[in-house]
Amino acid sequence: MKVLVLCGPESSGKSWLSSEIQAHFGGELVGEYVRHFIDEQGRDTCYADIPAIARGQLAWEDAARAHQPELLILDTHLLSNLLWSRALFNDCPAWIEQALLERHYDLHLLLDPQGVSWVGDGQRCQPDLRERQAFFSDSHAWLQRHQQPVQVIGGDWPQRSAAVLAAVQRLLNGKAAACPTEC
């Protein structure tokens, strides 16, 4: 099983590209639990919600891992929970980072917010490109600090799609799994 994560700031194409990957290669796709949580609760999140959101994301991921698909596509993972918790509340439960580090991911596709427009959807809160770029930088720094395999994806929508599909093809061919920092 190859585990692929799309990560980065909001409105950079994670959900769209995840669906593109699944349509092209098959596999099992795990969505972003926090969106489900917000829809279910009917309100914005608060710091007390962070553990429940992280546990929900892990439960969805674990259920998909149990199916052992050839390709597991994660629209996001605990890095997003960790960074959003810090960005919104200046704190994050310590267990979240530890749980993230205990899991194996074959490749992170880190989406750069430059080159595509922000689209509001009622849950997004960073229309300012500088804020999204800071989230991207924090994601990149964390991935590099922890020697996670990462490929930065940028450009317009067609360029992103082409780059992502090529990266997944390399991953499935066994050429991206050993990339300890940036491919």
N, C-alpha and C. Protein backbone atom coordinates (compact mmCIF):
# COMPACT_ATOMS: atom_id res chain seq x y z
N MET A 1 0.85 -1.18 0.00
CA MET A 1 0.00 0.00 0.00
C MET A 1 0.89 1.24 0.00
N LYS A 2 0.59 2.16 -0.90
CA LYS A 2 1.25 3.47 -0.94
C LYS A 2 0.29 4.48 -0.33
N VAL A 3 0.82 5.29 0.60
CA VAL A 3 0.00 6.29 1.27
C VAL A 3 0.46 7.68 0.82
N LEU A 4 -0.45 8.38 0.18
CA LEU A 4 -0.21 9.69 -0.40
C LEU A 4 -1.03 10.73 0.36
N VAL A 5 -0.39 11.85 0.70
CA VAL A 5 -1.08 12.92 1.42
C VAL A 5 -1.02 14.20 0.59
N LEU A 6 -2.14 14.86 0.44
CA LEU A 6 -2.16 16.20 -0.12
C LEU A 6 -2.25 17.15 1.05
N CYS A 7 -1.35 18.10 1.10
CA CYS A 7 -1.32 19.02 2.24
C CYS A 7 -1.03 20.43 1.75
N GLY A 8 -1.24 21.38 2.64
CA GLY A 8 -1.02 22.78 2.33
C GLY A 8 -2.21 23.62 2.73
N PRO A 9 -2.18 24.89 2.36
CA PRO A 9 -3.23 25.82 2.79
C PRO A 9 -4.55 25.57 2.09
N GLU A 10 -5.57 26.19 2.66
CA GLU A 10 -6.90 26.08 2.08
C GLU A 10 -6.93 26.69 0.68
N SER A 11 -7.86 26.20 -0.11
CA SER A 11 -8.11 26.71 -1.45
C SER A 11 -6.92 26.56 -2.39
N SER A 12 -6.09 25.52 -2.15
CA SER A 12 -4.95 25.28 -3.03
C SER A 12 -5.17 24.03 -3.89
N GLY A 13 -6.31 23.37 -3.74
CA GLY A 13 -6.68 22.28 -4.62
C GLY A 13 -6.59 20.88 -4.05
N LYS A 14 -6.46 20.73 -2.74
CA LYS A 14 -6.30 19.40 -2.16
C LYS A 14 -7.46 18.47 -2.50
N SER A 15 -8.68 18.90 -2.27
CA SER A 15 -9.84 18.04 -2.50
C SER A 15 -10.02 17.75 -3.98
N TRP A 16 -9.90 18.76 -4.81
CA TRP A 16 -10.05 18.58 -6.25
C TRP A 16 -8.99 17.62 -6.78
N LEU A 17 -7.73 17.84 -6.40
CA LEU A 17 -6.65 16.99 -6.88
C LEU A 17 -6.76 15.57 -6.33
N SER A 18 -7.22 15.42 -5.10
CA SER A 18 -7.44 14.09 -4.54
C SER A 18 -8.44 13.31 -5.39
N SER A 19 -9.51 13.98 -5.79
CA SER A 19 -10.51 13.34 -6.65
C SER A 19 -9.94 13.02 -8.02
N GLU A 20 -9.11 13.91 -8.56
CA GLU A 20 -8.46 13.66 -9.85
C GLU A 20 -7.56 12.42 -9.76
N ILE A 21 -6.82 12.32 -8.68
CA ILE A 21 -5.93 11.17 -8.49
C ILE A 21 -6.75 9.88 -8.44
N GLN A 22 -7.81 9.89 -7.64
CA GLN A 22 -8.63 8.69 -7.51
C GLN A 22 -9.28 8.32 -8.85
N ALA A 23 -9.75 9.32 -9.59
CA ALA A 23 -10.36 9.04 -10.89
C ALA A 23 -9.35 8.43 -11.87
N HIS A 24 -8.10 8.87 -11.78
CA HIS A 24 -7.07 8.41 -12.71
C HIS A 24 -6.45 7.07 -12.30
N PHE A 25 -6.18 6.90 -10.99
CA PHE A 25 -5.44 5.73 -10.53
C PHE A 25 -6.27 4.75 -9.70
N GLY A 26 -7.46 5.14 -9.29
CA GLY A 26 -8.21 4.32 -8.36
C GLY A 26 -7.71 4.57 -6.95
N GLY A 27 -7.88 3.60 -6.09
CA GLY A 27 -7.45 3.76 -4.70
C GLY A 27 -8.59 4.22 -3.82
N GLU A 28 -8.27 4.39 -2.57
CA GLU A 28 -9.26 4.83 -1.59
C GLU A 28 -8.94 6.24 -1.15
N LEU A 29 -9.95 7.09 -1.13
CA LEU A 29 -9.79 8.50 -0.80
C LEU A 29 -10.41 8.78 0.57
N VAL A 30 -9.62 9.44 1.43
CA VAL A 30 -10.08 9.85 2.75
C VAL A 30 -10.20 11.37 2.75
N GLY A 31 -11.39 11.86 3.06
CA GLY A 31 -11.64 13.29 3.07
C GLY A 31 -11.14 13.98 4.33
N GLU A 32 -11.49 15.24 4.42
CA GLU A 32 -11.06 16.10 5.52
C GLU A 32 -12.14 16.09 6.62
N TYR A 33 -11.83 15.45 7.73
CA TYR A 33 -12.81 15.26 8.80
C TYR A 33 -13.35 16.58 9.35
N VAL A 34 -12.53 17.60 9.44
CA VAL A 34 -12.97 18.85 10.05
C VAL A 34 -14.18 19.43 9.29
N ARG A 35 -14.24 19.25 7.99
CA ARG A 35 -15.40 19.75 7.23
C ARG A 35 -16.68 19.03 7.69
N HIS A 36 -16.59 17.72 7.86
CA HIS A 36 -17.71 16.94 8.38
C HIS A 36 -18.09 17.43 9.78
N PHE A 37 -17.09 17.65 10.62
CA PHE A 37 -17.32 18.09 11.99
C PHE A 37 -18.05 19.43 12.01
N ILE A 38 -17.58 20.39 11.21
CA ILE A 38 -18.22 21.71 11.18
C ILE A 38 -19.65 21.61 10.68
N ASP A 39 -19.86 20.82 9.62
CA ASP A 39 -21.23 20.64 9.11
C ASP A 39 -22.13 20.00 10.16
N GLU A 40 -21.60 19.01 10.87
CA GLU A 40 -22.38 18.30 11.88
C GLU A 40 -22.69 19.19 13.08
N GLN A 41 -21.72 19.99 13.51
CA GLN A 41 -21.90 20.85 14.68
C GLN A 41 -22.64 22.15 14.35
N GLY A 42 -22.54 22.60 13.11
CA GLY A 42 -23.21 23.83 12.71
C GLY A 42 -22.62 25.08 13.32
N ARG A 43 -21.31 25.04 13.59
CA ARG A 43 -20.64 26.20 14.20
C ARG A 43 -19.16 26.15 13.88
N ASP A 44 -18.47 27.26 14.17
CA ASP A 44 -17.02 27.27 14.03
C ASP A 44 -16.41 26.42 15.14
N THR A 45 -15.19 26.00 14.92
CA THR A 45 -14.51 25.19 15.92
C THR A 45 -13.89 26.07 17.00
N CYS A 46 -13.64 25.45 18.14
CA CYS A 46 -12.92 26.10 19.24
C CYS A 46 -11.79 25.15 19.66
N TYR A 47 -10.90 25.63 20.51
CA TYR A 47 -9.75 24.82 20.89
C TYR A 47 -10.17 23.47 21.50
N ALA A 48 -11.25 23.46 22.26
CA ALA A 48 -11.70 22.21 22.88
C ALA A 48 -12.10 21.16 21.85
N ASP A 49 -12.37 21.58 20.60
CA ASP A 49 -12.75 20.65 19.54
C ASP A 49 -11.56 19.95 18.89
N ILE A 50 -10.37 20.48 19.06
CA ILE A 50 -9.19 19.98 18.34
C ILE A 50 -8.97 18.48 18.57
N PRO A 51 -8.99 17.98 19.80
CA PRO A 51 -8.79 16.53 19.97
C PRO A 51 -9.84 15.68 19.24
N ALA A 52 -11.10 16.09 19.30
CA ALA A 52 -12.15 15.32 18.62
C ALA A 52 -11.95 15.34 17.11
N ILE A 53 -11.56 16.48 16.57
CA ILE A 53 -11.32 16.59 15.13
C ILE A 53 -10.14 15.70 14.73
N ALA A 54 -9.07 15.76 15.49
CA ALA A 54 -7.89 14.94 15.18
C ALA A 54 -8.21 13.45 15.30
N ARG A 55 -8.94 13.07 16.34
CA ARG A 55 -9.32 11.66 16.49
C ARG A 55 -10.22 11.20 15.35
N GLY A 56 -11.12 12.08 14.91
CA GLY A 56 -11.98 11.76 13.78
C GLY A 56 -11.18 11.55 12.50
N GLN A 57 -10.19 12.43 12.26
CA GLN A 57 -9.35 12.28 11.08
C GLN A 57 -8.58 10.96 11.14
N LEU A 58 -8.04 10.66 12.32
CA LEU A 58 -7.31 9.40 12.48
C LEU A 58 -8.22 8.19 12.28
N ALA A 59 -9.43 8.26 12.79
CA ALA A 59 -10.37 7.13 12.64
C ALA A 59 -10.69 6.90 11.17
N TRP A 60 -10.91 7.97 10.41
CA TRP A 60 -11.18 7.81 8.98
C TRP A 60 -9.95 7.21 8.28
N GLU A 61 -8.77 7.73 8.62
CA GLU A 61 -7.54 7.21 8.01
C GLU A 61 -7.34 5.74 8.37
N ASP A 62 -7.51 5.40 9.64
CA ASP A 62 -7.31 4.01 10.08
C ASP A 62 -8.30 3.06 9.41
N ALA A 63 -9.54 3.47 9.26
CA ALA A 63 -10.52 2.62 8.59
C ALA A 63 -10.11 2.35 7.15
N ALA A 64 -9.59 3.37 6.47
CA ALA A 64 -9.13 3.20 5.09
C ALA A 64 -7.87 2.33 5.04
N ARG A 65 -6.95 2.54 5.97
CA ARG A 65 -5.73 1.72 6.00
C ARG A 65 -6.08 0.25 6.20
N ALA A 66 -7.12 -0.03 6.98
CA ALA A 66 -7.52 -1.42 7.24
C ALA A 66 -7.96 -2.14 5.96
N HIS A 67 -8.42 -1.39 4.97
CA HIS A 67 -8.83 -1.99 3.69
C HIS A 67 -7.62 -2.36 2.82
N GLN A 68 -6.45 -1.85 3.17
CA GLN A 68 -5.21 -2.14 2.43
C GLN A 68 -5.32 -1.87 0.92
N PRO A 69 -5.79 -0.68 0.54
CA PRO A 69 -5.84 -0.40 -0.90
C PRO A 69 -4.42 -0.26 -1.45
N GLU A 70 -4.27 -0.47 -2.74
CA GLU A 70 -2.95 -0.27 -3.35
C GLU A 70 -2.50 1.17 -3.18
N LEU A 71 -3.46 2.11 -3.30
CA LEU A 71 -3.18 3.53 -3.15
C LEU A 71 -4.18 4.12 -2.16
N LEU A 72 -3.67 4.71 -1.09
CA LEU A 72 -4.49 5.42 -0.12
C LEU A 72 -4.21 6.90 -0.30
N ILE A 73 -5.25 7.66 -0.62
CA ILE A 73 -5.14 9.09 -0.90
C ILE A 73 -5.77 9.84 0.26
N LEU A 74 -4.96 10.64 0.95
CA LEU A 74 -5.47 11.42 2.07
C LEU A 74 -5.57 12.89 1.64
N ASP A 75 -6.79 13.40 1.65
CA ASP A 75 -7.05 14.79 1.30
C ASP A 75 -6.32 15.71 2.28
N THR A 76 -6.06 15.22 3.47
CA THR A 76 -5.30 15.95 4.48
C THR A 76 -4.90 14.93 5.54
N HIS A 77 -4.12 15.37 6.53
CA HIS A 77 -3.82 14.50 7.67
C HIS A 77 -3.55 15.38 8.89
N LEU A 78 -3.00 14.81 9.94
CA LEU A 78 -2.87 15.53 11.20
C LEU A 78 -1.99 16.77 11.13
N LEU A 79 -1.14 16.91 10.12
CA LEU A 79 -0.35 18.13 10.01
C LEU A 79 -1.26 19.34 9.89
N SER A 80 -2.33 19.20 9.14
CA SER A 80 -3.28 20.30 9.01
C SER A 80 -3.92 20.62 10.36
N ASN A 81 -4.31 19.58 11.12
CA ASN A 81 -4.89 19.81 12.45
C ASN A 81 -3.90 20.54 13.35
N LEU A 82 -2.65 20.09 13.32
CA LEU A 82 -1.61 20.68 14.16
C LEU A 82 -1.39 22.16 13.82
N LEU A 83 -1.23 22.46 12.54
CA LEU A 83 -0.93 23.84 12.13
C LEU A 83 -2.13 24.76 12.29
N TRP A 84 -3.34 24.27 12.00
CA TRP A 84 -4.51 25.11 12.21
C TRP A 84 -4.74 25.38 13.69
N SER A 85 -4.52 24.39 14.53
CA SER A 85 -4.67 24.60 15.96
C SER A 85 -3.72 25.69 16.44
N ARG A 86 -2.49 25.62 15.98
CA ARG A 86 -1.51 26.64 16.37
C ARG A 86 -1.86 28.01 15.78
N ALA A 87 -2.33 28.03 14.54
CA ALA A 87 -2.66 29.31 13.89
C ALA A 87 -3.87 29.97 14.53
N LEU A 88 -4.88 29.18 14.85
CA LEU A 88 -6.11 29.74 15.38
C LEU A 88 -6.10 29.95 16.89
N PHE A 89 -5.39 29.06 17.61
CA PHE A 89 -5.48 29.07 19.07
C PHE A 89 -4.13 29.19 19.78
N ASN A 90 -3.06 29.33 19.01
CA ASN A 90 -1.70 29.45 19.56
C ASN A 90 -1.32 28.27 20.46
N ASP A 91 -1.90 27.11 20.20
CA ASP A 91 -1.60 25.92 20.99
C ASP A 91 -2.09 24.70 20.22
N CYS A 92 -1.57 23.55 20.61
CA CYS A 92 -2.01 22.29 20.02
C CYS A 92 -1.71 21.18 21.01
N PRO A 93 -2.65 20.26 21.23
CA PRO A 93 -2.36 19.14 22.11
C PRO A 93 -1.12 18.38 21.62
N ALA A 94 -0.18 18.11 22.51
CA ALA A 94 1.10 17.51 22.14
C ALA A 94 0.95 16.15 21.48
N TRP A 95 -0.06 15.39 21.85
CA TRP A 95 -0.22 14.05 21.31
C TRP A 95 -0.45 14.05 19.80
N ILE A 96 -0.96 15.15 19.25
CA ILE A 96 -1.26 15.19 17.81
C ILE A 96 0.02 15.08 16.99
N GLU A 97 1.03 15.84 17.34
CA GLU A 97 2.29 15.75 16.60
C GLU A 97 2.91 14.37 16.76
N GLN A 98 2.86 13.82 17.94
CA GLN A 98 3.42 12.48 18.18
C GLN A 98 2.68 11.43 17.35
N ALA A 99 1.36 11.52 17.30
CA ALA A 99 0.57 10.57 16.51
C ALA A 99 0.91 10.70 15.02
N LEU A 100 1.13 11.90 14.58
CA LEU A 100 1.51 12.13 13.18
C LEU A 100 2.86 11.50 12.87
N LEU A 101 3.81 11.67 13.77
CA LEU A 101 5.16 11.14 13.56
C LEU A 101 5.21 9.61 13.63
N GLU A 102 4.25 9.00 14.27
CA GLU A 102 4.22 7.54 14.40
C GLU A 102 3.70 6.84 13.16
N ARG A 103 3.17 7.59 12.20
CA ARG A 103 2.57 7.01 11.00
C ARG A 103 3.51 7.13 9.81
N HIS A 104 3.36 6.21 8.89
CA HIS A 104 4.18 6.22 7.68
C HIS A 104 3.37 6.78 6.51
N TYR A 105 3.99 7.73 5.81
CA TYR A 105 3.40 8.30 4.60
C TYR A 105 4.46 8.24 3.51
N ASP A 106 4.09 7.72 2.36
CA ASP A 106 5.06 7.54 1.28
C ASP A 106 5.39 8.83 0.55
N LEU A 107 4.44 9.74 0.45
CA LEU A 107 4.69 11.00 -0.24
C LEU A 107 3.67 12.04 0.19
N HIS A 108 4.17 13.25 0.44
CA HIS A 108 3.32 14.41 0.70
C HIS A 108 3.39 15.31 -0.53
N LEU A 109 2.26 15.63 -1.10
CA LEU A 109 2.19 16.62 -2.17
C LEU A 109 1.76 17.92 -1.51
N LEU A 110 2.70 18.85 -1.39
CA LEU A 110 2.48 20.12 -0.70
C LEU A 110 2.09 21.17 -1.73
N LEU A 111 0.88 21.69 -1.61
CA LEU A 111 0.33 22.61 -2.59
C LEU A 111 0.62 24.05 -2.23
N ASP A 112 1.29 24.74 -3.14
CA ASP A 112 1.63 26.15 -2.99
C ASP A 112 0.38 26.98 -3.32
N PRO A 113 0.05 27.98 -2.50
CA PRO A 113 -1.16 28.76 -2.78
C PRO A 113 -0.99 29.75 -3.93
N GLN A 114 0.25 30.05 -4.33
CA GLN A 114 0.45 31.00 -5.42
C GLN A 114 0.06 30.36 -6.74
N GLY A 115 -0.55 31.14 -7.60
CA GLY A 115 -0.92 30.66 -8.92
C GLY A 115 -2.38 30.28 -9.06
N VAL A 116 -3.10 30.20 -7.94
CA VAL A 116 -4.53 29.91 -7.98
C VAL A 116 -5.26 30.88 -7.04
N SER A 117 -6.48 31.19 -7.39
CA SER A 117 -7.27 32.14 -6.59
C SER A 117 -7.92 31.45 -5.41
N TRP A 118 -8.07 32.21 -4.33
CA TRP A 118 -8.79 31.74 -3.16
C TRP A 118 -10.28 31.73 -3.48
N VAL A 119 -10.97 30.69 -3.03
CA VAL A 119 -12.41 30.57 -3.23
C VAL A 119 -13.05 30.34 -1.86
N GLY A 120 -13.90 31.25 -1.44
CA GLY A 120 -14.60 31.08 -0.17
C GLY A 120 -15.68 30.01 -0.30
N ASP A 121 -15.88 29.26 0.78
CA ASP A 121 -16.90 28.21 0.76
C ASP A 121 -17.69 28.15 2.06
N GLY A 122 -17.58 29.17 2.88
CA GLY A 122 -18.30 29.19 4.16
C GLY A 122 -17.51 28.59 5.31
N GLN A 123 -16.45 27.83 5.02
CA GLN A 123 -15.61 27.26 6.08
C GLN A 123 -14.19 27.81 6.02
N ARG A 124 -13.78 28.33 4.91
CA ARG A 124 -12.42 28.83 4.75
C ARG A 124 -12.31 30.22 5.38
N CYS A 125 -11.09 30.54 5.87
CA CYS A 125 -10.94 31.81 6.59
C CYS A 125 -9.64 32.55 6.26
N GLN A 126 -8.94 32.16 5.20
CA GLN A 126 -7.69 32.83 4.86
C GLN A 126 -7.69 33.37 3.43
N PRO A 127 -8.49 34.41 3.16
CA PRO A 127 -8.50 34.95 1.80
C PRO A 127 -7.19 35.67 1.44
N ASP A 128 -6.43 36.10 2.44
CA ASP A 128 -5.17 36.81 2.22
C ASP A 128 -4.08 35.82 1.81
N LEU A 129 -3.49 36.04 0.63
CA LEU A 129 -2.45 35.16 0.13
C LEU A 129 -1.28 35.06 1.11
N ARG A 130 -0.96 36.15 1.80
CA ARG A 130 0.17 36.11 2.76
C ARG A 130 -0.09 35.10 3.87
N GLU A 131 -1.33 35.01 4.35
CA GLU A 131 -1.67 34.03 5.38
C GLU A 131 -1.56 32.61 4.85
N ARG A 132 -2.05 32.40 3.63
CA ARG A 132 -1.96 31.06 3.04
C ARG A 132 -0.50 30.70 2.74
N GLN A 133 0.30 31.69 2.34
CA GLN A 133 1.71 31.43 2.09
C GLN A 133 2.43 31.09 3.40
N ALA A 134 2.06 31.73 4.50
CA ALA A 134 2.66 31.41 5.80
C ALA A 134 2.30 29.97 6.20
N PHE A 135 1.06 29.55 5.95
CA PHE A 135 0.65 28.17 6.26
C PHE A 135 1.44 27.19 5.40
N PHE A 136 1.62 27.53 4.12
CA PHE A 136 2.43 26.71 3.22
C PHE A 136 3.86 26.60 3.76
N SER A 137 4.44 27.72 4.15
CA SER A 137 5.82 27.72 4.67
C SER A 137 5.93 26.90 5.95
N ASP A 138 4.96 27.03 6.84
CA ASP A 138 4.96 26.24 8.07
C ASP A 138 4.86 24.74 7.76
N SER A 139 4.02 24.39 6.79
CA SER A 139 3.88 22.99 6.37
C SER A 139 5.20 22.47 5.82
N HIS A 140 5.81 23.26 4.94
CA HIS A 140 7.07 22.86 4.31
C HIS A 140 8.16 22.69 5.36
N ALA A 141 8.25 23.63 6.28
CA ALA A 141 9.28 23.56 7.32
C ALA A 141 9.09 22.32 8.19
N TRP A 142 7.84 22.02 8.57
CA TRP A 142 7.58 20.84 9.40
C TRP A 142 7.97 19.57 8.65
N LEU A 143 7.56 19.45 7.41
CA LEU A 143 7.86 18.26 6.62
C LEU A 143 9.37 18.06 6.46
N GLN A 144 10.08 19.13 6.21
CA GLN A 144 11.54 19.02 6.06
C GLN A 144 12.21 18.72 7.39
N ARG A 145 11.78 19.39 8.46
CA ARG A 145 12.36 19.15 9.78
C ARG A 145 12.23 17.69 10.20
N HIS A 146 11.13 17.07 9.81
CA HIS A 146 10.88 15.68 10.18
C HIS A 146 11.20 14.70 9.06
N GLN A 147 11.92 15.18 8.07
CA GLN A 147 12.43 14.36 6.96
C GLN A 147 11.34 13.52 6.30
N GLN A 148 10.23 14.16 6.04
CA GLN A 148 9.11 13.51 5.37
C GLN A 148 9.27 13.67 3.85
N PRO A 149 8.93 12.66 3.08
CA PRO A 149 9.01 12.79 1.62
C PRO A 149 7.97 13.79 1.12
N VAL A 150 8.45 14.79 0.38
CA VAL A 150 7.56 15.87 -0.05
C VAL A 150 7.92 16.33 -1.46
N GLN A 151 6.88 16.67 -2.19
CA GLN A 151 7.04 17.33 -3.48
C GLN A 151 6.13 18.54 -3.48
N VAL A 152 6.69 19.70 -3.77
CA VAL A 152 5.90 20.93 -3.84
C VAL A 152 5.22 20.98 -5.20
N ILE A 153 3.94 21.33 -5.17
CA ILE A 153 3.12 21.43 -6.38
C ILE A 153 2.65 22.88 -6.49
N GLY A 154 2.91 23.48 -7.63
CA GLY A 154 2.48 24.86 -7.86
C GLY A 154 1.92 25.02 -9.26
N GLY A 155 1.75 26.27 -9.65
CA GLY A 155 1.24 26.58 -10.98
C GLY A 155 -0.26 26.76 -11.00
N ASP A 156 -0.79 26.87 -12.23
CA ASP A 156 -2.24 27.01 -12.39
C ASP A 156 -2.88 25.62 -12.28
N TRP A 157 -4.19 25.55 -12.44
CA TRP A 157 -4.90 24.29 -12.24
C TRP A 157 -4.42 23.18 -13.19
N PRO A 158 -4.29 23.44 -14.48
CA PRO A 158 -3.79 22.36 -15.36
C PRO A 158 -2.36 21.92 -15.01
N GLN A 159 -1.51 22.86 -14.64
CA GLN A 159 -0.14 22.51 -14.25
C GLN A 159 -0.13 21.67 -12.98
N ARG A 160 -0.96 22.01 -12.03
CA ARG A 160 -1.05 21.23 -10.79
C ARG A 160 -1.51 19.81 -11.08
N SER A 161 -2.54 19.71 -11.89
CA SER A 161 -3.07 18.39 -12.21
C SER A 161 -2.00 17.52 -12.88
N ALA A 162 -1.31 18.08 -13.86
CA ALA A 162 -0.27 17.32 -14.56
C ALA A 162 0.86 16.92 -13.61
N ALA A 163 1.29 17.84 -12.76
CA ALA A 163 2.39 17.55 -11.83
C ALA A 163 1.99 16.48 -10.81
N VAL A 164 0.76 16.56 -10.32
CA VAL A 164 0.28 15.60 -9.32
C VAL A 164 0.15 14.21 -9.95
N LEU A 165 -0.42 14.12 -11.12
CA LEU A 165 -0.58 12.82 -11.76
C LEU A 165 0.78 12.20 -12.07
N ALA A 166 1.75 13.01 -12.48
CA ALA A 166 3.10 12.50 -12.73
C ALA A 166 3.75 12.03 -11.43
N ALA A 167 3.57 12.77 -10.35
CA ALA A 167 4.16 12.39 -9.06
C ALA A 167 3.57 11.08 -8.56
N VAL A 168 2.26 10.91 -8.71
CA VAL A 168 1.62 9.67 -8.26
C VAL A 168 2.08 8.50 -9.12
N GLN A 169 2.23 8.72 -10.41
CA GLN A 169 2.73 7.65 -11.28
C GLN A 169 4.13 7.22 -10.84
N ARG A 170 4.99 8.19 -10.52
CA ARG A 170 6.33 7.86 -10.01
C ARG A 170 6.24 7.09 -8.70
N LEU A 171 5.36 7.51 -7.82
CA LEU A 171 5.18 6.83 -6.54
C LEU A 171 4.77 5.37 -6.77
N LEU A 172 3.80 5.17 -7.62
CA LEU A 172 3.32 3.82 -7.88
C LEU A 172 4.35 2.96 -8.59
N ASN A 173 5.26 3.61 -9.33
CA ASN A 173 6.35 2.90 -9.98
C ASN A 173 7.54 2.66 -9.04
N GLY A 174 7.38 3.13 -7.78
CA GLY A 174 8.45 2.92 -6.79
C GLY A 174 9.58 3.91 -6.87
N LYS A 175 9.37 5.06 -7.50
CA LYS A 175 10.45 6.02 -7.68
C LYS A 175 10.39 7.21 -6.75
N ALA A 176 9.35 7.33 -5.92
CA ALA A 176 9.25 8.50 -5.06
C ALA A 176 9.30 8.15 -3.59
N ALA A 177 9.24 6.88 -3.25
CA ALA A 177 9.12 6.49 -1.85
C ALA A 177 10.35 6.81 -1.02
N ALA A 178 11.52 6.90 -1.62
CA ALA A 178 12.74 7.11 -0.85
C ALA A 178 13.17 8.57 -0.82
N CYS A 179 12.30 9.48 -1.16
CA CYS A 179 12.63 10.90 -1.22
C CYS A 179 12.50 11.51 0.18
N PRO A 180 13.60 11.66 0.94
CA PRO A 180 13.50 12.07 2.33
C PRO A 180 13.20 13.54 2.55
N THR A 181 13.45 14.39 1.59
CA THR A 181 13.09 15.79 1.75
C THR A 181 12.27 16.20 0.55
N GLU A 182 12.81 17.01 -0.33
CA GLU A 182 12.00 17.45 -1.45
C GLU A 182 12.42 16.76 -2.74
N CYS A 183 11.44 16.23 -3.45
CA CYS A 183 11.69 15.55 -4.72
C CYS A 183 11.92 16.58 -5.81
